[in-house]
Amino acid sequence: MRLKYIPVYAGSFEEQLSFYTDKLGFKIVSKIPFYEGAECTLLETGNYDVLLAISKRNLHTNLKSCIILNTDDCLSDHHTLKALGVEFFTEPQYQPIGLVAEFTDPCGNKFVLLEERDYNN
């Protein structure tokens, strides 16, 4: 088994798609029918083995996603994303796993920008 798709639910589909393509720089790969009556737009994230599957949120659910984006330079990416209008709810801070900063997309899905660090070496 291997991870292939990460589902992300959108209340405002066009706003959500714009956030991922214009601000995060992800590329649209294709559209697929994921469930009966539910089409997903697949986005390439730079990791060609894992795709984000953006779909309209079912009005009867309040599902949210938490996605961890790995980076080589958390401070630089934090600055770039803030300049593009991404609102962070935590500034970069050191955690046991590394340097992290957290933000949400327009529909409230949580993202963790992570620069992994090994503090023992």
PDB file of N, CA and C in Angstrom:
ATOM      1  N   MET A   1       0.837  -1.192   0.000  1.00  0.00           N
ATOM      2  CA  MET A   1       0.000   0.000   0.000  1.00  0.00           C
ATOM      3  C   MET A   1       0.873   1.244   0.000  1.00  0.00           C
ATOM      4  N   ARG A   2       0.328   2.298  -0.589  1.00  0.00           N
ATOM      5  CA  ARG A   2       1.017   3.587  -0.555  1.00  0.00           C
ATOM      6  C   ARG A   2      -0.012   4.706  -0.592  1.00  0.00           C
ATOM      7  N   LEU A   3       0.344   5.836  -0.046  1.00  0.00           N
ATOM      8  CA  LEU A   3      -0.537   6.995  -0.032  1.00  0.00           C
ATOM      9  C   LEU A   3      -0.620   7.583  -1.434  1.00  0.00           C
ATOM     10  N   LYS A   4      -1.822   7.827  -1.928  1.00  0.00           N
ATOM     11  CA  LYS A   4      -2.010   8.344  -3.287  1.00  0.00           C
ATOM     12  C   LYS A   4      -2.718   9.698  -3.297  1.00  0.00           C
ATOM     13  N   TYR A   5      -3.823   9.831  -2.533  1.00  0.00           N
ATOM     14  CA  TYR A   5      -4.619  11.054  -2.528  1.00  0.00           C
ATOM     15  C   TYR A   5      -4.816  11.554  -1.100  1.00  0.00           C
ATOM     16  N   ILE A   6      -4.844  12.875  -0.971  1.00  0.00           N
ATOM     17  CA  ILE A   6      -5.226  13.505   0.288  1.00  0.00           C
ATOM     18  C   ILE A   6      -6.487  14.310  -0.006  1.00  0.00           C
ATOM     19  N   PRO A   7      -7.626  13.922   0.572  1.00  0.00           N
ATOM     20  CA  PRO A   7      -8.861  14.660   0.295  1.00  0.00           C
ATOM     21  C   PRO A   7      -8.899  15.993   1.035  1.00  0.00           C
ATOM     22  N   VAL A   8      -9.345  17.019   0.329  1.00  0.00           N
ATOM     23  CA  VAL A   8      -9.537  18.341   0.908  1.00  0.00           C
ATOM     24  C   VAL A   8     -10.932  18.786   0.497  1.00  0.00           C
ATOM     25  N   TYR A   9     -11.746  19.150   1.491  1.00  0.00           N
ATOM     26  CA  TYR A   9     -13.134  19.501   1.237  1.00  0.00           C
ATOM     27  C   TYR A   9     -13.290  21.008   1.148  1.00  0.00           C
ATOM     28  N   ALA A  10     -14.011  21.459   0.128  1.00  0.00           N
ATOM     29  CA  ALA A  10     -14.149  22.883  -0.137  1.00  0.00           C
ATOM     30  C   ALA A  10     -15.601  23.313  -0.030  1.00  0.00           C
ATOM     31  N   GLY A  11     -15.844  24.376   0.718  1.00  0.00           N
ATOM     32  CA  GLY A  11     -17.171  24.968   0.748  1.00  0.00           C
ATOM     33  C   GLY A  11     -17.357  25.851  -0.475  1.00  0.00           C
ATOM     34  N   SER A  12     -16.374  26.684  -0.755  1.00  0.00           N
ATOM     35  CA  SER A  12     -16.357  27.543  -1.940  1.00  0.00           C
ATOM     36  C   SER A  12     -15.299  26.982  -2.878  1.00  0.00           C
ATOM     37  N   PHE A  13     -15.729  26.141  -3.808  1.00  0.00           N
ATOM     38  CA  PHE A  13     -14.809  25.374  -4.636  1.00  0.00           C
ATOM     39  C   PHE A  13     -13.851  26.258  -5.434  1.00  0.00           C
ATOM     40  N   GLU A  14     -14.361  27.282  -6.116  1.00  0.00           N
ATOM     41  CA  GLU A  14     -13.506  28.137  -6.951  1.00  0.00           C
ATOM     42  C   GLU A  14     -12.498  28.917  -6.104  1.00  0.00           C
ATOM     43  N   GLU A  15     -12.932  29.413  -4.947  1.00  0.00           N
ATOM     44  CA  GLU A  15     -12.022  30.133  -4.046  1.00  0.00           C
ATOM     45  C   GLU A  15     -10.929  29.192  -3.553  1.00  0.00           C
ATOM     46  N   GLN A  16     -11.317  27.977  -3.227  1.00  0.00           N
ATOM     47  CA  GLN A  16     -10.372  26.979  -2.741  1.00  0.00           C
ATOM     48  C   GLN A  16      -9.348  26.638  -3.823  1.00  0.00           C
ATOM     49  N   LEU A  17      -9.817  26.400  -5.037  1.00  0.00           N
ATOM     50  CA  LEU A  17      -8.936  26.052  -6.143  1.00  0.00           C
ATOM     51  C   LEU A  17      -7.961  27.187  -6.427  1.00  0.00           C
ATOM     52  N   SER A  18      -8.440  28.422  -6.383  1.00  0.00           N
ATOM     53  CA  SER A  18      -7.582  29.587  -6.583  1.00  0.00           C
ATOM     54  C   SER A  18      -6.507  29.672  -5.500  1.00  0.00           C
ATOM     55  N   PHE A  19      -6.867  29.393  -4.249  1.00  0.00           N
ATOM     56  CA  PHE A  19      -5.905  29.418  -3.144  1.00  0.00           C
ATOM     57  C   PHE A  19      -4.758  28.443  -3.416  1.00  0.00           C
ATOM     58  N   TYR A  20      -5.098  27.221  -3.798  1.00  0.00           N
ATOM     59  CA  TYR A  20      -4.072  26.196  -4.010  1.00  0.00           C
ATOM     60  C   TYR A  20      -3.210  26.459  -5.232  1.00  0.00           C
ATOM     61  N   THR A  21      -3.793  26.988  -6.300  1.00  0.00           N
ATOM     62  CA  THR A  21      -3.005  27.214  -7.509  1.00  0.00           C
ATOM     63  C   THR A  21      -2.276  28.556  -7.473  1.00  0.00           C
ATOM     64  N   ASP A  22      -2.948  29.627  -7.060  1.00  0.00           N
ATOM     65  CA  ASP A  22      -2.350  30.959  -7.100  1.00  0.00           C
ATOM     66  C   ASP A  22      -1.415  31.243  -5.930  1.00  0.00           C
ATOM     67  N   LYS A  23      -1.764  30.773  -4.743  1.00  0.00           N
ATOM     68  CA  LYS A  23      -0.945  31.088  -3.569  1.00  0.00           C
ATOM     69  C   LYS A  23       0.064  30.000  -3.231  1.00  0.00           C
ATOM     70  N   LEU A  24      -0.357  28.735  -3.304  1.00  0.00           N
ATOM     71  CA  LEU A  24       0.559  27.647  -2.951  1.00  0.00           C
ATOM     72  C   LEU A  24       1.314  27.103  -4.155  1.00  0.00           C
ATOM     73  N   GLY A  25       0.913  27.478  -5.354  1.00  0.00           N
ATOM     74  CA  GLY A  25       1.639  27.084  -6.557  1.00  0.00           C
ATOM     75  C   GLY A  25       1.413  25.658  -7.026  1.00  0.00           C
ATOM     76  N   PHE A  26       0.343  25.018  -6.571  1.00  0.00           N
ATOM     77  CA  PHE A  26       0.052  23.654  -7.009  1.00  0.00           C
ATOM     78  C   PHE A  26      -0.531  23.695  -8.422  1.00  0.00           C
ATOM     79  N   LYS A  27      -0.390  22.607  -9.153  1.00  0.00           N
ATOM     80  CA  LYS A  27      -0.845  22.522 -10.545  1.00  0.00           C
ATOM     81  C   LYS A  27      -2.010  21.553 -10.674  1.00  0.00           C
ATOM     82  N   ILE A  28      -3.006  21.924 -11.480  1.00  0.00           N
ATOM     83  CA  ILE A  28      -4.139  21.036 -11.749  1.00  0.00           C
ATOM     84  C   ILE A  28      -3.670  19.916 -12.669  1.00  0.00           C
ATOM     85  N   VAL A  29      -3.933  18.677 -12.262  1.00  0.00           N
ATOM     86  CA  VAL A  29      -3.548  17.503 -13.044  1.00  0.00           C
ATOM     87  C   VAL A  29      -4.734  17.016 -13.867  1.00  0.00           C
ATOM     88  N   SER A  30      -5.868  16.807 -13.209  1.00  0.00           N
ATOM     89  CA  SER A  30      -7.055  16.300 -13.903  1.00  0.00           C
ATOM     90  C   SER A  30      -8.260  16.391 -12.989  1.00  0.00           C
ATOM     91  N   LYS A  31      -9.394  16.011 -13.531  1.00  0.00           N
ATOM     92  CA  LYS A  31     -10.629  15.887 -12.749  1.00  0.00           C
ATOM     93  C   LYS A  31     -11.088  14.444 -12.868  1.00  0.00           C
ATOM     94  N   ILE A  32     -11.512  13.875 -11.732  1.00  0.00           N
ATOM     95  CA  ILE A  32     -11.971  12.487 -11.737  1.00  0.00           C
ATOM     96  C   ILE A  32     -13.252  12.371 -10.918  1.00  0.00           C
ATOM     97  N   PRO A  33     -14.121  11.428 -11.268  1.00  0.00           N
ATOM     98  CA  PRO A  33     -15.269  11.139 -10.407  1.00  0.00           C
ATOM     99  C   PRO A  33     -14.783  10.276  -9.248  1.00  0.00           C
ATOM    100  N   PHE A  34     -14.826  10.823  -8.038  1.00  0.00           N
ATOM    101  CA  PHE A  34     -14.274  10.113  -6.886  1.00  0.00           C
ATOM    102  C   PHE A  34     -15.327   9.233  -6.235  1.00  0.00           C
ATOM    103  N   TYR A  35     -16.482   9.814  -5.995  1.00  0.00           N
ATOM    104  CA  TYR A  35     -17.647   9.098  -5.477  1.00  0.00           C
ATOM    105  C   TYR A  35     -18.797   9.347  -6.434  1.00  0.00           C
ATOM    106  N   GLU A  36     -19.862   8.603  -6.279  1.00  0.00           N
ATOM    107  CA  GLU A  36     -21.064   8.814  -7.082  1.00  0.00           C
ATOM    108  C   GLU A  36     -21.523  10.258  -6.929  1.00  0.00           C
ATOM    109  N   GLY A  37     -21.519  10.997  -8.027  1.00  0.00           N
ATOM    110  CA  GLY A  37     -21.972  12.381  -8.015  1.00  0.00           C
ATOM    111  C   GLY A  37     -20.993  13.369  -7.418  1.00  0.00           C
ATOM    112  N   ALA A  38     -19.768  12.958  -7.139  1.00  0.00           N
ATOM    113  CA  ALA A  38     -18.779  13.860  -6.540  1.00  0.00           C
ATOM    114  C   ALA A  38     -17.503  13.842  -7.368  1.00  0.00           C
ATOM    115  N   GLU A  39     -17.271  14.949  -8.074  1.00  0.00           N
ATOM    116  CA  GLU A  39     -16.061  15.060  -8.877  1.00  0.00           C
ATOM    117  C   GLU A  39     -14.969  15.730  -8.056  1.00  0.00           C
ATOM    118  N   CYS A  40     -13.753  15.251  -8.207  1.00  0.00           N
ATOM    119  CA  CYS A  40     -12.596  15.831  -7.530  1.00  0.00           C
ATOM    120  C   CYS A  40     -11.651  16.425  -8.560  1.00  0.00           C
ATOM    121  N   THR A  41     -11.040  17.537  -8.212  1.00  0.00           N
ATOM    122  CA  THR A  41      -9.964  18.097  -9.009  1.00  0.00           C
ATOM    123  C   THR A  41      -8.666  17.686  -8.341  1.00  0.00           C
ATOM    124  N   LEU A  42      -7.787  17.048  -9.105  1.00  0.00           N
ATOM    125  CA  LEU A  42      -6.516  16.572  -8.557  1.00  0.00           C
ATOM    126  C   LEU A  42      -5.437  17.616  -8.778  1.00  0.00           C
ATOM    127  N   LEU A  43      -4.690  17.902  -7.712  1.00  0.00           N
ATOM    128  CA  LEU A  43      -3.617  18.888  -7.766  1.00  0.00           C
ATOM    129  C   LEU A  43      -2.284  18.231  -7.463  1.00  0.00           C
ATOM    130  N   GLU A  44      -1.294  18.586  -8.263  1.00  0.00           N
ATOM    131  CA  GLU A  44       0.069  18.109  -8.062  1.00  0.00           C
ATOM    132  C   GLU A  44       0.761  19.060  -7.093  1.00  0.00           C
ATOM    133  N   THR A  45       1.410  18.485  -6.090  1.00  0.00           N
ATOM    134  CA  THR A  45       1.998  19.286  -5.021  1.00  0.00           C
ATOM    135  C   THR A  45       3.514  19.361  -5.085  1.00  0.00           C
ATOM    136  N   GLY A  46       4.104  18.813  -6.128  1.00  0.00           N
ATOM    137  CA  GLY A  46       5.556  18.729  -6.194  1.00  0.00           C
ATOM    138  C   GLY A  46       6.026  17.334  -5.851  1.00  0.00           C
ATOM    139  N   ASN A  47       5.205  16.582  -5.135  1.00  0.00           N
ATOM    140  CA  ASN A  47       5.466  15.169  -4.852  1.00  0.00           C
ATOM    141  C   ASN A  47       4.559  14.392  -5.794  1.00  0.00           C
ATOM    142  N   TYR A  48       5.124  13.849  -6.850  1.00  0.00           N
ATOM    143  CA  TYR A  48       4.323  13.252  -7.911  1.00  0.00           C
ATOM    144  C   TYR A  48       3.616  11.974  -7.499  1.00  0.00           C
ATOM    145  N   ASP A  49       3.921  11.428  -6.343  1.00  0.00           N
ATOM    146  CA  ASP A  49       3.257  10.215  -5.879  1.00  0.00           C
ATOM    147  C   ASP A  49       1.989  10.508  -5.089  1.00  0.00           C
ATOM    148  N   VAL A  50       1.857  11.730  -4.572  1.00  0.00           N
ATOM    149  CA  VAL A  50       0.707  12.092  -3.740  1.00  0.00           C
ATOM    150  C   VAL A  50       0.025  13.311  -4.358  1.00  0.00           C
ATOM    151  N   LEU A  51      -1.294  13.223  -4.523  1.00  0.00           N
ATOM    152  CA  LEU A  51      -2.074  14.313  -5.100  1.00  0.00           C
ATOM    153  C   LEU A  51      -3.127  14.786  -4.106  1.00  0.00           C
ATOM    154  N   LEU A  52      -3.407  16.100  -4.100  1.00  0.00           N
ATOM    155  CA  LEU A  52      -4.545  16.613  -3.337  1.00  0.00           C
ATOM    156  C   LEU A  52      -5.794  16.395  -4.173  1.00  0.00           C
ATOM    157  N   ALA A  53      -6.850  15.912  -3.552  1.00  0.00           N
ATOM    158  CA  ALA A  53      -8.132  15.694  -4.225  1.00  0.00           C
ATOM    159  C   ALA A  53      -9.132  16.694  -3.665  1.00  0.00           C
ATOM    160  N   ILE A  54      -9.356  17.798  -4.391  1.00  0.00           N
ATOM    161  CA  ILE A  54     -10.243  18.864  -3.943  1.00  0.00           C
ATOM    162  C   ILE A  54     -11.668  18.528  -4.375  1.00  0.00           C
ATOM    163  N   SER A  55     -12.588  18.495  -3.424  1.00  0.00           N
ATOM    164  CA  SER A  55     -13.984  18.219  -3.768  1.00  0.00           C
ATOM    165  C   SER A  55     -14.897  19.128  -2.964  1.00  0.00           C
ATOM    166  N   LYS A  56     -16.095  19.333  -3.488  1.00  0.00           N
ATOM    167  CA  LYS A  56     -17.072  20.156  -2.775  1.00  0.00           C
ATOM    168  C   LYS A  56     -17.499  19.444  -1.507  1.00  0.00           C
ATOM    169  N   ARG A  57     -17.574  20.209  -0.440  1.00  0.00           N
ATOM    170  CA  ARG A  57     -17.965  19.657   0.855  1.00  0.00           C
ATOM    171  C   ARG A  57     -19.435  19.289   0.834  1.00  0.00           C
ATOM    172  N   ASN A  58     -19.724  18.117   1.355  1.00  0.00           N
ATOM    173  CA  ASN A  58     -21.108  17.705   1.535  1.00  0.00           C
ATOM    174  C   ASN A  58     -21.718  18.646   2.573  1.00  0.00           C
ATOM    175  N   LEU A  59     -22.847  19.217   2.262  1.00  0.00           N
ATOM    176  CA  LEU A  59     -23.460  20.194   3.168  1.00  0.00           C
ATOM    177  C   LEU A  59     -23.848  19.602   4.512  1.00  0.00           C
ATOM    178  N   HIS A  60     -23.915  18.287   4.618  1.00  0.00           N
ATOM    179  CA  HIS A  60     -24.318  17.642   5.872  1.00  0.00           C
ATOM    180  C   HIS A  60     -23.124  17.271   6.750  1.00  0.00           C
ATOM    181  N   THR A  61     -21.919  17.580   6.293  1.00  0.00           N
ATOM    182  CA  THR A  61     -20.733  17.257   7.088  1.00  0.00           C
ATOM    183  C   THR A  61     -19.929  18.522   7.337  1.00  0.00           C
ATOM    184  N   ASN A  62     -19.070  18.472   8.309  1.00  0.00           N
ATOM    185  CA  ASN A  62     -18.187  19.586   8.610  1.00  0.00           C
ATOM    186  C   ASN A  62     -16.745  19.086   8.608  1.00  0.00           C
ATOM    187  N   LEU A  63     -16.400  18.291   7.604  1.00  0.00           N
ATOM    188  CA  LEU A  63     -15.074  17.698   7.530  1.00  0.00           C
ATOM    189  C   LEU A  63     -14.017  18.750   7.248  1.00  0.00           C
ATOM    190  N   LYS A  64     -12.894  18.630   7.919  1.00  0.00           N
ATOM    191  CA  LYS A  64     -11.732  19.478   7.682  1.00  0.00           C
ATOM    192  C   LYS A  64     -10.515  18.569   7.547  1.00  0.00           C
ATOM    193  N   SER A  65      -9.527  19.045   6.822  1.00  0.00           N
ATOM    194  CA  SER A  65      -8.293  18.286   6.640  1.00  0.00           C
ATOM    195  C   SER A  65      -7.164  18.967   7.393  1.00  0.00           C
ATOM    196  N   CYS A  66      -6.127  18.211   7.715  1.00  0.00           N
ATOM    197  CA  CYS A  66      -4.875  18.755   8.243  1.00  0.00           C
ATOM    198  C   CYS A  66      -3.766  18.202   7.361  1.00  0.00           C
ATOM    199  N   ILE A  67      -3.067  19.093   6.687  1.00  0.00           N
ATOM    200  CA  ILE A  67      -2.052  18.702   5.722  1.00  0.00           C
ATOM    201  C   ILE A  67      -0.720  19.285   6.158  1.00  0.00           C
ATOM    202  N   ILE A  68       0.300  18.448   6.157  1.00  0.00           N
ATOM    203  CA  ILE A  68       1.647  18.884   6.524  1.00  0.00           C
ATOM    204  C   ILE A  68       2.455  19.056   5.248  1.00  0.00           C
ATOM    205  N   LEU A  69       2.951  20.282   5.033  1.00  0.00           N
ATOM    206  CA  LEU A  69       3.786  20.587   3.875  1.00  0.00           C
ATOM    207  C   LEU A  69       5.230  20.651   4.337  1.00  0.00           C
ATOM    208  N   ASN A  70       6.064  19.777   3.818  1.00  0.00           N
ATOM    209  CA  ASN A  70       7.474  19.760   4.184  1.00  0.00           C
ATOM    210  C   ASN A  70       8.214  20.823   3.386  1.00  0.00           C
ATOM    211  N   THR A  71       9.145  21.518   4.027  1.00  0.00           N
ATOM    212  CA  THR A  71       9.914  22.570   3.374  1.00  0.00           C
ATOM    213  C   THR A  71      11.368  22.509   3.829  1.00  0.00           C
ATOM    214  N   ASP A  72      12.250  23.013   2.996  1.00  0.00           N
ATOM    215  CA  ASP A  72      13.663  23.121   3.371  1.00  0.00           C
ATOM    216  C   ASP A  72      13.948  24.427   4.096  1.00  0.00           C
ATOM    217  N   ASP A  73      13.023  25.408   3.996  1.00  0.00           N
ATOM    218  CA  ASP A  73      13.236  26.715   4.608  1.00  0.00           C
ATOM    219  C   ASP A  73      11.896  27.296   5.062  1.00  0.00           C
ATOM    220  N   CYS A  74      11.508  26.970   6.274  1.00  0.00           N
ATOM    221  CA  CYS A  74      10.222  27.401   6.821  1.00  0.00           C
ATOM    222  C   CYS A  74      10.110  28.926   6.858  1.00  0.00           C
ATOM    223  N   LEU A  75      11.162  29.609   7.276  1.00  0.00           N
ATOM    224  CA  LEU A  75      11.106  31.069   7.395  1.00  0.00           C
ATOM    225  C   LEU A  75      10.898  31.735   6.040  1.00  0.00           C
ATOM    226  N   SER A  76      11.610  31.280   5.029  1.00  0.00           N
ATOM    227  CA  SER A  76      11.474  31.843   3.689  1.00  0.00           C
ATOM    228  C   SER A  76      10.082  31.583   3.121  1.00  0.00           C
ATOM    229  N   ASP A  77       9.599  30.347   3.240  1.00  0.00           N
ATOM    230  CA  ASP A  77       8.272  30.016   2.723  1.00  0.00           C
ATOM    231  C   ASP A  77       7.178  30.752   3.492  1.00  0.00           C
ATOM    232  N   HIS A  78       7.344  30.898   4.794  1.00  0.00           N
ATOM    233  CA  HIS A  78       6.394  31.658   5.616  1.00  0.00           C
ATOM    234  C   HIS A  78       6.304  33.097   5.104  1.00  0.00           C
ATOM    235  N   HIS A  79       7.446  33.715   4.869  1.00  0.00           N
ATOM    236  CA  HIS A  79       7.491  35.093   4.376  1.00  0.00           C
ATOM    237  C   HIS A  79       6.833  35.204   2.997  1.00  0.00           C
ATOM    238  N   THR A  80       7.156  34.281   2.094  1.00  0.00           N
ATOM    239  CA  THR A  80       6.590  34.292   0.740  1.00  0.00           C
ATOM    240  C   THR A  80       5.078  34.138   0.768  1.00  0.00           C
ATOM    241  N   LEU A  81       4.590  33.177   1.551  1.00  0.00           N
ATOM    242  CA  LEU A  81       3.147  32.938   1.624  1.00  0.00           C
ATOM    243  C   LEU A  81       2.411  34.115   2.261  1.00  0.00           C
ATOM    244  N   LYS A  82       3.002  34.725   3.302  1.00  0.00           N
ATOM    245  CA  LYS A  82       2.372  35.901   3.925  1.00  0.00           C
ATOM    246  C   LYS A  82       2.258  37.038   2.917  1.00  0.00           C
ATOM    247  N   ALA A  83       3.300  37.215   2.098  1.00  0.00           N
ATOM    248  CA  ALA A  83       3.279  38.267   1.077  1.00  0.00           C
ATOM    249  C   ALA A  83       2.185  38.020   0.039  1.00  0.00           C
ATOM    250  N   LEU A  84       1.810  36.758  -0.153  1.00  0.00           N
ATOM    251  CA  LEU A  84       0.736  36.401  -1.084  1.00  0.00           C
ATOM    252  C   LEU A  84      -0.647  36.473  -0.435  1.00  0.00           C
ATOM    253  N   GLY A  85      -0.698  36.844   0.850  1.00  0.00           N
ATOM    254  CA  GLY A  85      -1.971  37.002   1.535  1.00  0.00           C
ATOM    255  C   GLY A  85      -2.428  35.812   2.352  1.00  0.00           C
ATOM    256  N   VAL A  86      -1.573  34.805   2.512  1.00  0.00           N
ATOM    257  CA  VAL A  86      -1.932  33.658   3.351  1.00  0.00           C
ATOM    258  C   VAL A  86      -1.861  34.104   4.806  1.00  0.00           C
ATOM    259  N   GLU A  87      -2.917  33.835   5.571  1.00  0.00           N
ATOM    260  CA  GLU A  87      -2.965  34.241   6.973  1.00  0.00           C
ATOM    261  C   GLU A  87      -2.561  33.079   7.869  1.00  0.00           C
ATOM    262  N   PHE A  88      -1.467  33.265   8.591  1.00  0.00           N
ATOM    263  CA  PHE A  88      -0.961  32.256   9.516  1.00  0.00           C
ATOM    264  C   PHE A  88      -1.579  32.479  10.887  1.00  0.00           C
ATOM    265  N   PHE A  89      -1.925  31.407  11.586  1.00  0.00           N
ATOM    266  CA  PHE A  89      -2.417  31.561  12.950  1.00  0.00           C
ATOM    267  C   PHE A  89      -1.343  31.217  13.964  1.00  0.00           C
ATOM    268  N   THR A  90      -0.185  30.717  13.522  1.00  0.00           N
ATOM    269  CA  THR A  90       1.006  30.656  14.376  1.00  0.00           C
ATOM    270  C   THR A  90       2.189  31.135  13.551  1.00  0.00           C
ATOM    271  N   GLU A  91       3.045  31.884  14.176  1.00  0.00           N
ATOM    272  CA  GLU A  91       4.294  32.284  13.543  1.00  0.00           C
ATOM    273  C   GLU A  91       5.253  31.095  13.621  1.00  0.00           C
ATOM    274  N   PRO A  92       6.335  31.100  12.828  1.00  0.00           N
ATOM    275  CA  PRO A  92       7.291  29.992  12.915  1.00  0.00           C
ATOM    276  C   PRO A  92       7.783  29.819  14.351  1.00  0.00           C
ATOM    277  N   GLN A  93       7.748  28.573  14.807  1.00  0.00           N
ATOM    278  CA  GLN A  93       8.184  28.258  16.163  1.00  0.00           C
ATOM    279  C   GLN A  93       8.845  26.887  16.183  1.00  0.00           C
ATOM    280  N   TYR A  94       9.769  26.726  17.111  1.00  0.00           N
ATOM    281  CA  TYR A  94      10.483  25.461  17.231  1.00  0.00           C
ATOM    282  C   TYR A  94       9.645  24.460  18.013  1.00  0.00           C
ATOM    283  N   GLN A  95       9.503  23.274  17.442  1.00  0.00           N
ATOM    284  CA  GLN A  95       8.823  22.149  18.065  1.00  0.00           C
ATOM    285  C   GLN A  95       9.796  20.971  18.053  1.00  0.00           C
ATOM    286  N   PRO A  96       9.520  19.904  18.784  1.00  0.00           N
ATOM    287  CA  PRO A  96      10.440  18.766  18.794  1.00  0.00           C
ATOM    288  C   PRO A  96      10.752  18.203  17.404  1.00  0.00           C
ATOM    289  N   ILE A  97       9.816  18.303  16.465  1.00  0.00           N
ATOM    290  CA  ILE A  97      10.051  17.764  15.123  1.00  0.00           C
ATOM    291  C   ILE A  97      10.806  18.740  14.223  1.00  0.00           C
ATOM    292  N   GLY A  98      10.781  20.033  14.556  1.00  0.00           N
ATOM    293  CA  GLY A  98      11.454  21.031  13.734  1.00  0.00           C
ATOM    294  C   GLY A  98      10.770  22.382  13.830  1.00  0.00           C
ATOM    295  N   LEU A  99      11.014  23.221  12.824  1.00  0.00           N
ATOM    296  CA  LEU A  99      10.438  24.560  12.780  1.00  0.00           C
ATOM    297  C   LEU A  99       9.091  24.482  12.059  1.00  0.00           C
ATOM    298  N   VAL A 100       8.022  24.981  12.692  1.00  0.00           N
ATOM    299  CA  VAL A 100       6.680  24.881  12.120  1.00  0.00           C
ATOM    300  C   VAL A 100       5.959  26.231  12.154  1.00  0.00           C
ATOM    301  N   ALA A 101       5.077  26.423  11.185  1.00  0.00           N
ATOM    302  CA  ALA A 101       4.151  27.553  11.152  1.00  0.00           C
ATOM    303  C   ALA A 101       2.838  26.999  10.613  1.00  0.00           C
ATOM    304  N   GLU A 102       1.708  27.496  11.135  1.00  0.00           N
ATOM    305  CA  GLU A 102       0.410  26.935  10.771  1.00  0.00           C
ATOM    306  C   GLU A 102      -0.501  27.996  10.167  1.00  0.00           C
ATOM    307  N   PHE A 103      -1.251  27.573   9.146  1.00  0.00           N
ATOM    308  CA  PHE A 103      -2.229  28.450   8.507  1.00  0.00           C
ATOM    309  C   PHE A 103      -3.424  27.617   8.069  1.00  0.00           C
ATOM    310  N   THR A 104      -4.493  28.311   7.676  1.00  0.00           N
ATOM    311  CA  THR A 104      -5.668  27.625   7.142  1.00  0.00           C
ATOM    312  C   THR A 104      -5.943  28.137   5.734  1.00  0.00           C
ATOM    313  N   ASP A 105      -6.641  27.312   4.964  1.00  0.00           N
ATOM    314  CA  ASP A 105      -7.092  27.750   3.647  1.00  0.00           C
ATOM    315  C   ASP A 105      -8.437  28.456   3.818  1.00  0.00           C
ATOM    316  N   PRO A 106      -9.020  28.992   2.750  1.00  0.00           N
ATOM    317  CA  PRO A 106     -10.278  29.740   2.892  1.00  0.00           C
ATOM    318  C   PRO A 106     -11.438  28.940   3.478  1.00  0.00           C
ATOM    319  N   CYS A 107     -11.381  27.614   3.435  1.00  0.00           N
ATOM    320  CA  CYS A 107     -12.475  26.787   3.977  1.00  0.00           C
ATOM    321  C   CYS A 107     -12.164  26.226   5.355  1.00  0.00           C
ATOM    322  N   GLY A 108     -11.043  26.631   5.957  1.00  0.00           N
ATOM    323  CA  GLY A 108     -10.729  26.211   7.312  1.00  0.00           C
ATOM    324  C   GLY A 108      -9.908  24.947   7.443  1.00  0.00           C
ATOM    325  N   ASN A 109      -9.439  24.370   6.315  1.00  0.00           N
ATOM    326  CA  ASN A 109      -8.546  23.223   6.406  1.00  0.00           C
ATOM    327  C   ASN A 109      -7.201  23.700   6.935  1.00  0.00           C
ATOM    328  N   LYS A 110      -6.618  22.946   7.841  1.00  0.00           N
ATOM    329  CA  LYS A 110      -5.380  23.346   8.516  1.00  0.00           C
ATOM    330  C   LYS A 110      -4.159  22.841   7.749  1.00  0.00           C
ATOM    331  N   PHE A 111      -3.146  23.704   7.659  1.00  0.00           N
ATOM    332  CA  PHE A 111      -1.869  23.351   7.055  1.00  0.00           C
ATOM    333  C   PHE A 111      -0.759  23.604   8.057  1.00  0.00           C
ATOM    334  N   VAL A 112       0.213  22.711   8.075  1.00  0.00           N
ATOM    335  CA  VAL A 112       1.406  22.873   8.896  1.00  0.00           C
ATOM    336  C   VAL A 112       2.586  22.940   7.941  1.00  0.00           C
ATOM    337  N   LEU A 113       3.288  24.054   7.950  1.00  0.00           N
ATOM    338  CA  LEU A 113       4.510  24.213   7.179  1.00  0.00           C
ATOM    339  C   LEU A 113       5.633  23.704   8.070  1.00  0.00           C
ATOM    340  N   LEU A 114       6.332  22.648   7.658  1.00  0.00           N
ATOM    341  CA  LEU A 114       7.294  21.958   8.519  1.00  0.00           C
ATOM    342  C   LEU A 114       8.678  21.891   7.896  1.00  0.00           C
ATOM    343  N   GLU A 115       9.654  22.423   8.615  1.00  0.00           N
ATOM    344  CA  GLU A 115      11.069  22.230   8.281  1.00  0.00           C
ATOM    345  C   GLU A 115      11.612  21.258   9.322  1.00  0.00           C
ATOM    346  N   GLU A 116      11.716  19.993   8.939  1.00  0.00           N
ATOM    347  CA  GLU A 116      12.153  18.972   9.893  1.00  0.00           C
ATOM    348  C   GLU A 116      13.600  19.208  10.303  1.00  0.00           C
ATOM    349  N   ARG A 117      13.867  18.997  11.583  1.00  0.00           N
ATOM    350  CA  ARG A 117      15.223  19.163  12.117  1.00  0.00           C
ATOM    351  C   ARG A 117      15.519  18.044  13.096  1.00  0.00           C
ATOM    352  N   ASP A 118      16.760  17.609  13.072  1.00  0.00           N
ATOM    353  CA  ASP A 118      17.222  16.608  14.030  1.00  0.00           C
ATOM    354  C   ASP A 118      18.084  17.342  15.049  1.00  0.00           C
ATOM    355  N   TYR A 119      17.513  17.608  16.214  1.00  0.00           N
ATOM    356  CA  TYR A 119      18.214  18.380  17.234  1.00  0.00           C
ATOM    357  C   TYR A 119      19.279  17.567  17.954  1.00  0.00           C
ATOM    358  N   ASN A 120      19.344  16.274  17.674  1.00  0.00           N
ATOM    359  CA  ASN A 120      20.319  15.417  18.348  1.00  0.00           C
ATOM    360  C   ASN A 120      21.633  15.302  17.595  1.00  0.00           C
ATOM    361  N   ASN A 121      21.696  15.798  16.378  1.00  0.00           N
ATOM    362  CA  ASN A 121      22.947  15.733  15.594  1.00  0.00           C
ATOM    363  C   ASN A 121      23.509  17.099  15.362  1.00  0.00           C
TER     364      ASN A 121
END
